[in-house]
Amino acid sequence: MSFSKIAAVLAILASVCFVALLTLQALEMRHYSAPPSLWPTAAR
């Protein structure tokens, strides 16, 4: 495989991972909007 083909595959892979990360972040913000229960008790 040539370098440009490897770079294209890596770019596509990075894009897919980035979109998956954004999707997980959006789902987390939508479904887990409650304040964290562990942090306030650990801070005291």
N, C-alpha and C. Protein backbone atom coordinates (compact mmCIF):
# COMPACT_ATOMS: atom_id res chain seq x y z
N MET A 1 0.84 -1.20 0.00
CA MET A 1 0.00 0.00 0.00
C MET A 1 0.87 1.25 0.00
N SER A 2 0.46 2.22 -0.74
CA SER A 2 1.23 3.45 -0.80
C SER A 2 0.92 4.32 0.42
N PHE A 3 1.77 5.30 0.62
CA PHE A 3 1.61 6.17 1.80
C PHE A 3 0.30 6.93 1.75
N SER A 4 -0.09 7.39 0.57
CA SER A 4 -1.33 8.19 0.48
C SER A 4 -2.55 7.34 0.79
N LYS A 5 -2.51 6.06 0.42
CA LYS A 5 -3.64 5.19 0.72
C LYS A 5 -3.72 4.93 2.22
N ILE A 6 -2.56 4.73 2.88
CA ILE A 6 -2.54 4.54 4.33
C ILE A 6 -3.04 5.79 5.03
N ALA A 7 -2.61 6.95 4.56
CA ALA A 7 -3.05 8.21 5.16
C ALA A 7 -4.56 8.40 5.00
N ALA A 8 -5.10 8.01 3.85
CA ALA A 8 -6.55 8.13 3.64
C ALA A 8 -7.32 7.21 4.58
N VAL A 9 -6.83 5.99 4.75
CA VAL A 9 -7.49 5.05 5.66
C VAL A 9 -7.44 5.58 7.09
N LEU A 10 -6.30 6.11 7.50
CA LEU A 10 -6.19 6.66 8.85
C LEU A 10 -7.08 7.88 9.04
N ALA A 11 -7.20 8.71 8.01
CA ALA A 11 -8.07 9.88 8.11
C ALA A 11 -9.53 9.47 8.24
N ILE A 12 -9.95 8.47 7.48
CA ILE A 12 -11.32 7.98 7.59
C ILE A 12 -11.57 7.38 8.97
N LEU A 13 -10.60 6.61 9.46
CA LEU A 13 -10.74 6.01 10.78
C LEU A 13 -10.83 7.07 11.87
N ALA A 14 -10.01 8.10 11.78
CA ALA A 14 -10.06 9.18 12.76
C ALA A 14 -11.38 9.92 12.69
N SER A 15 -11.91 10.12 11.49
CA SER A 15 -13.20 10.80 11.34
C SER A 15 -14.32 9.99 11.96
N VAL A 16 -14.30 8.67 11.73
CA VAL A 16 -15.33 7.80 12.31
C VAL A 16 -15.26 7.84 13.83
N CYS A 17 -14.06 7.78 14.38
CA CYS A 17 -13.90 7.83 15.84
C CYS A 17 -14.37 9.17 16.38
N PHE A 18 -14.10 10.26 15.67
CA PHE A 18 -14.51 11.58 16.12
C PHE A 18 -16.03 11.71 16.12
N VAL A 19 -16.68 11.20 15.09
CA VAL A 19 -18.14 11.25 15.03
C VAL A 19 -18.74 10.39 16.14
N ALA A 20 -18.15 9.23 16.40
CA ALA A 20 -18.63 8.38 17.49
C ALA A 20 -18.48 9.08 18.83
N LEU A 21 -17.37 9.78 19.02
CA LEU A 21 -17.16 10.52 20.27
C LEU A 21 -18.21 11.61 20.44
N LEU A 22 -18.48 12.37 19.38
CA LEU A 22 -19.49 13.43 19.46
C LEU A 22 -20.87 12.84 19.73
N THR A 23 -21.18 11.69 19.11
CA THR A 23 -22.47 11.05 19.34
C THR A 23 -22.62 10.62 20.79
N LEU A 24 -21.56 10.01 21.34
CA LEU A 24 -21.63 9.58 22.74
C LEU A 24 -21.75 10.77 23.67
N GLN A 25 -21.06 11.86 23.37
CA GLN A 25 -21.17 13.06 24.20
C GLN A 25 -22.59 13.61 24.16
N ALA A 26 -23.20 13.65 22.98
CA ALA A 26 -24.56 14.16 22.86
C ALA A 26 -25.54 13.27 23.61
N LEU A 27 -25.37 11.96 23.48
CA LEU A 27 -26.26 11.05 24.21
C LEU A 27 -26.09 11.20 25.72
N GLU A 28 -24.85 11.38 26.16
CA GLU A 28 -24.60 11.55 27.59
C GLU A 28 -25.24 12.83 28.10
N MET A 29 -25.15 13.91 27.34
CA MET A 29 -25.73 15.17 27.78
C MET A 29 -27.26 15.09 27.80
N ARG A 30 -27.84 14.30 26.87
CA ARG A 30 -29.30 14.19 26.82
C ARG A 30 -29.84 13.30 27.93
N HIS A 31 -29.18 12.17 28.20
CA HIS A 31 -29.77 11.17 29.08
C HIS A 31 -29.21 11.21 30.50
N TYR A 32 -28.04 11.76 30.70
CA TYR A 32 -27.44 11.78 32.02
C TYR A 32 -27.26 13.22 32.49
N SER A 33 -28.33 13.99 32.43
CA SER A 33 -28.24 15.40 32.80
C SER A 33 -28.31 15.62 34.30
N ALA A 34 -28.53 14.56 35.09
CA ALA A 34 -28.57 14.72 36.54
C ALA A 34 -27.17 15.06 37.05
N PRO A 35 -27.08 15.85 38.11
CA PRO A 35 -25.75 16.15 38.66
C PRO A 35 -25.08 14.90 39.19
N PRO A 36 -23.78 14.80 39.11
CA PRO A 36 -23.09 13.60 39.61
C PRO A 36 -23.29 13.44 41.11
N SER A 37 -23.58 12.23 41.54
CA SER A 37 -23.91 12.00 42.94
C SER A 37 -22.65 11.78 43.78
N LEU A 38 -21.53 11.40 43.15
CA LEU A 38 -20.34 11.04 43.92
C LEU A 38 -19.47 12.25 44.24
N TRP A 39 -19.36 13.20 43.30
CA TRP A 39 -18.40 14.29 43.45
C TRP A 39 -18.70 15.19 44.65
N PRO A 40 -19.96 15.63 44.88
CA PRO A 40 -20.16 16.53 46.03
C PRO A 40 -19.83 15.88 47.36
N THR A 41 -20.08 14.57 47.49
CA THR A 41 -19.75 13.90 48.76
C THR A 41 -18.25 13.73 48.91
N ALA A 42 -17.54 13.53 47.80
CA ALA A 42 -16.09 13.36 47.88
C ALA A 42 -15.39 14.70 48.15
N ALA A 43 -16.01 15.81 47.77
CA ALA A 43 -15.40 17.11 47.96
C ALA A 43 -15.47 17.56 49.42
N ARG A 44 -16.46 17.05 50.12
CA ARG A 44 -16.61 17.49 51.52
C ARG A 44 -15.60 16.87 52.43
